[in-house]
Amino acid sequence: MFSSIEAASKRVPKSEESSSPFKELRTVACGLLVVCTVATASPVIATNQRLPPLSTEPNRCERAFVGNTIGQANGVYDKPLDLRFCDYTNEKSNLKGKSVAAALMSDAKFDGADMSEAVMSKAYAVRASFKDFSNAVLDRVNFRKANLQGALFKNTVLSGSTFDNAQLEDAVFEDTIIGYIDLQKLCTNTSIGAQGRVELGCQ
C-alpha cells in the first residue's frame, strides 16, 4: 500500500502535485494510514495482544464517572481508561448515560450500578459483572465469561459484542435491537433462559 502511494506521487508532475485535488488526496491517504496504525496499536482493538500492566493512577476508578468519548468510534485514545478490578456495586446513578470508549473493564464489579443509557464502545469487559443496560448502546464489547445473570438489556442496542461463556441466566432482552449475525452468535449461549430466548427470537 505504501509503495503504491509513493509510486503514484512520483508519477505526478510537481505542478500538478501542488494543485488542490492531488494535495487533498495525499493528505487523506496519509491520514488514513496514521489512523490504521494507531488503531491497531490499541490493546482493546488488537486481537491476541497482551493487555498493558494495571494502571498505578491513584484515582483510576473515578475516571469512569467522567467517561471517555475520545475516539469512541474506533477506540483510539491517548491514555487507557483502566477500570479493571474496580468496584461500582453501590453506584446507583453516577454511571448512567456515561460514554466509555476502549475501556479495560475486566474483573470489575458493576452489580447494582446503573449503566442505563450508557454508550460502551470497544470495551474489554471479560469476567466483569453488570446488571442494568437499559436503553444503552453496547458496540463491540467483549463480555467473555462476564456475569450477566438477571441483567437488563431492555431496549438496548447490541452491535458486534461477544458473549462467549458469559452467564446470562434470567437476563431480560425485551425490545433489544440486534443484527441477525450478532443474534445467531448470542443465541448459541446456552445459559440464556427460555424467556430470554423468546424475547430475542432465538430459533
Protein backbone atom coordinates (compact mmCIF):
# COMPACT_ATOMS: atom_id res chain seq x y z
CA MET A 1 0.00 0.00 0.00
CA PHE A 2 2.84 2.37 0.87
CA SER A 3 4.64 1.59 -2.41
CA SER A 4 1.52 2.25 -4.50
CA ILE A 5 1.01 5.63 -2.84
CA GLU A 6 4.67 6.54 -3.31
CA ALA A 7 4.59 5.40 -6.93
CA ALA A 8 1.50 7.46 -7.60
CA SER A 9 3.10 10.54 -6.07
CA LYS A 10 6.24 10.09 -8.19
CA ARG A 11 4.22 9.94 -11.39
CA VAL A 12 2.52 13.25 -10.65
CA PRO A 13 4.39 16.29 -12.01
CA LYS A 14 5.28 18.91 -9.39
CA SER A 15 2.99 21.47 -10.99
CA GLU A 16 0.03 19.11 -10.66
CA GLU A 17 1.12 17.84 -7.25
CA SER A 18 0.79 21.28 -5.76
CA SER A 19 -2.74 21.64 -7.10
CA SER A 20 -5.58 21.25 -4.62
CA PRO A 21 -7.11 17.86 -5.70
CA PHE A 22 -3.79 15.98 -5.60
CA LYS A 23 -2.76 17.63 -2.36
CA GLU A 24 -6.05 16.71 -0.69
CA LEU A 25 -5.84 13.12 -1.94
CA ARG A 26 -2.37 12.61 -0.45
CA THR A 27 -3.44 14.25 2.82
CA VAL A 28 -6.46 11.92 3.12
CA ALA A 29 -4.37 8.84 2.28
CA CYS A 30 -1.73 9.73 4.88
CA GLY A 31 -4.41 10.42 7.45
CA LEU A 32 -6.00 7.02 6.90
CA LEU A 33 -2.63 5.28 7.28
CA VAL A 34 -1.98 7.07 10.57
CA VAL A 35 -5.42 6.14 11.90
CA CYS A 36 -4.94 2.49 10.93
CA THR A 37 -1.53 2.39 12.59
CA VAL A 38 -2.76 3.92 15.85
CA ALA A 39 -5.92 1.82 15.91
CA THR A 40 -4.08 -1.46 15.58
CA ALA A 41 -1.82 -0.43 18.45
CA SER A 42 -4.75 -0.28 20.88
CA PRO A 43 -4.72 -3.17 23.39
CA VAL A 44 -8.50 -3.40 23.13
CA ILE A 45 -8.59 -3.49 19.36
CA ALA A 46 -5.71 -5.78 18.51
CA THR A 47 -6.52 -9.47 18.75
CA ASN A 48 -4.23 -11.75 20.73
CA GLN A 49 -2.27 -8.79 22.07
CA ARG A 50 -1.37 -8.70 25.77
CA LEU A 51 -3.10 -6.10 27.90
CA PRO A 52 -0.97 -3.35 29.44
CA PRO A 53 0.01 -3.50 33.13
CA LEU A 54 -2.62 -2.36 35.61
CA SER A 55 -2.60 1.42 35.91
CA THR A 56 -0.97 2.81 39.04
CA GLU A 57 -3.01 6.01 38.85
CA PRO A 58 -4.47 6.55 42.37
CA ASN A 59 -7.93 7.64 41.19
CA ARG A 60 -8.18 5.49 38.08
CA CYS A 61 -11.58 4.02 39.10
CA GLU A 62 -13.05 7.51 39.48
CA ARG A 63 -12.41 8.18 35.79
CA ALA A 64 -15.48 6.08 34.98
CA PHE A 65 -17.68 8.82 36.43
CA VAL A 66 -16.32 11.22 33.82
CA GLY A 67 -16.25 8.72 30.97
CA ASN A 68 -14.16 8.80 27.82
CA THR A 69 -15.51 9.90 24.46
CA ILE A 70 -12.15 10.39 22.71
CA GLY A 71 -12.01 8.20 19.62
CA GLN A 72 -15.27 6.50 20.56
CA ALA A 73 -15.91 5.22 17.04
CA ASN A 74 -12.58 3.47 16.61
CA GLY A 75 -11.29 3.00 20.15
CA VAL A 76 -8.26 5.26 19.72
CA TYR A 77 -7.17 7.08 22.86
CA ASP A 78 -4.16 8.85 24.29
CA LYS A 79 -4.49 7.23 27.72
CA PRO A 80 -6.26 3.92 28.53
CA LEU A 81 -9.39 4.08 30.66
CA ASP A 82 -8.31 1.36 33.07
CA LEU A 83 -11.23 0.23 35.24
CA ARG A 84 -10.01 -3.31 35.88
CA PHE A 85 -10.94 -4.73 39.31
CA CYS A 86 -12.84 -1.54 40.22
CA ASP A 87 -15.95 -1.96 42.38
CA TYR A 88 -19.05 0.09 41.47
CA THR A 89 -21.53 -2.13 43.32
CA ASN A 90 -23.35 0.72 45.04
CA GLU A 91 -23.22 3.32 42.27
CA LYS A 92 -26.95 3.68 41.61
CA SER A 93 -26.85 6.68 39.28
CA ASN A 94 -23.32 8.05 38.80
CA LEU A 95 -22.65 5.88 35.74
CA LYS A 96 -25.96 6.47 33.98
CA GLY A 97 -25.53 7.78 30.45
CA LYS A 98 -21.74 7.74 30.52
CA SER A 99 -19.74 7.24 27.31
CA VAL A 100 -16.98 4.70 27.77
CA ALA A 101 -14.72 4.11 24.78
CA ALA A 102 -11.98 1.46 24.64
CA ALA A 103 -12.10 0.85 28.39
CA LEU A 104 -10.34 -2.00 30.15
CA MET A 105 -13.08 -3.32 32.46
CA SER A 106 -12.13 -6.93 33.13
CA ASP A 107 -12.94 -8.31 36.59
CA ALA A 108 -14.74 -5.07 37.55
CA LYS A 109 -17.97 -5.17 39.59
CA PHE A 110 -20.90 -3.14 38.30
CA ASP A 111 -23.53 -5.06 40.31
CA GLY A 112 -26.16 -2.56 41.38
CA ALA A 113 -24.61 0.16 39.20
CA ASP A 114 -26.98 1.97 36.86
CA MET A 115 -25.47 1.64 33.38
CA SER A 116 -28.69 2.60 31.63
CA GLU A 117 -28.29 4.88 28.60
CA ALA A 118 -24.53 4.28 28.71
CA VAL A 119 -22.53 4.06 25.49
CA MET A 120 -19.78 1.42 25.58
CA SER A 121 -17.61 1.09 22.51
CA LYS A 122 -14.78 -1.43 22.09
CA ALA A 123 -14.62 -2.17 25.79
CA TYR A 124 -12.87 -5.22 27.27
CA ALA A 125 -15.25 -6.50 29.96
CA VAL A 126 -14.04 -10.08 30.40
CA ARG A 127 -15.23 -11.61 33.71
CA ALA A 128 -16.85 -8.32 34.74
CA SER A 129 -20.35 -8.20 36.23
CA PHE A 130 -23.27 -5.96 35.20
CA LYS A 131 -26.98 -5.69 35.97
CA ASP A 132 -28.58 -2.75 34.14
CA PHE A 133 -28.00 -1.82 30.49
CA SER A 134 -31.48 -0.49 29.74
CA ASN A 135 -31.54 1.89 26.74
CA ALA A 136 -27.77 1.54 26.40
CA VAL A 137 -25.59 1.16 23.31
CA LEU A 138 -23.07 -1.71 23.52
CA ASP A 139 -20.82 -1.65 20.47
CA ARG A 140 -18.08 -4.29 20.08
CA VAL A 141 -17.82 -5.07 23.79
CA ASN A 142 -16.09 -8.28 24.87
CA PHE A 143 -18.28 -9.85 27.58
CA ARG A 144 -16.47 -13.21 27.62
CA LYS A 145 -17.09 -15.05 30.91
CA ALA A 146 -18.91 -11.99 32.28
CA ASN A 147 -21.57 -12.36 34.99
CA LEU A 148 -24.75 -11.00 33.41
CA GLN A 149 -27.27 -13.01 35.41
CA GLY A 150 -30.56 -11.13 35.54
CA ALA A 151 -29.06 -8.22 33.59
CA LEU A 152 -31.47 -5.84 31.86
CA PHE A 153 -30.90 -5.35 28.14
CA LYS A 154 -34.28 -3.69 27.65
CA ASN A 155 -34.33 -1.53 24.51
CA THR A 156 -30.55 -1.94 24.30
CA VAL A 157 -28.54 -1.78 21.07
CA LEU A 158 -26.14 -4.73 20.76
CA SER A 159 -23.74 -4.50 17.83
CA GLY A 160 -20.68 -6.67 17.35
CA SER A 161 -20.49 -7.59 21.05
CA THR A 162 -19.41 -11.08 22.13
CA PHE A 163 -20.83 -13.14 24.99
CA ASP A 164 -18.69 -16.29 24.89
CA ASN A 165 -19.23 -18.32 28.09
CA ALA A 166 -20.99 -15.35 29.71
CA GLN A 167 -23.60 -16.09 32.40
CA LEU A 168 -26.92 -14.88 31.03
CA GLU A 169 -29.43 -16.71 33.23
CA ASP A 170 -32.64 -14.65 33.69
CA ALA A 171 -31.25 -11.81 31.55
CA VAL A 172 -34.01 -9.64 30.06
CA PHE A 173 -33.82 -8.92 26.32
CA GLU A 174 -37.13 -7.12 25.86
CA ASP A 175 -37.07 -4.91 22.72
CA THR A 176 -33.32 -5.48 22.31
CA ILE A 177 -32.02 -4.14 18.98
CA ILE A 178 -29.54 -6.60 17.46
CA GLY A 179 -28.42 -7.60 13.96
CA TYR A 180 -29.05 -11.05 12.54
CA ILE A 181 -25.42 -12.25 12.67
CA ASP A 182 -24.93 -10.98 16.22
CA LEU A 183 -28.22 -12.63 17.22
CA GLN A 184 -27.13 -16.00 15.86
CA LYS A 185 -23.92 -15.81 17.89
CA LEU A 186 -25.71 -14.69 21.06
CA CYS A 187 -28.27 -17.47 20.78
CA THR A 188 -25.52 -20.09 20.96
CA ASN A 189 -25.08 -19.17 24.63
CA THR A 190 -26.92 -21.98 26.41
CA SER A 191 -27.25 -20.07 29.68
CA ILE A 192 -29.95 -17.80 28.23
CA GLY A 193 -33.28 -18.77 29.78
CA ALA A 194 -36.45 -19.72 27.93
CA GLN A 195 -37.99 -16.25 28.31
CA GLY A 196 -34.81 -14.57 27.10
CA ARG A 197 -34.72 -16.80 24.02
CA VAL A 198 -38.30 -15.89 23.22
CA GLU A 199 -37.56 -12.17 23.61
CA LEU A 200 -34.52 -12.48 21.33
CA GLY A 201 -36.29 -14.70 18.84
CA CYS A 202 -33.70 -17.50 19.09
CA GLN A 203 -34.67 -20.42 16.89
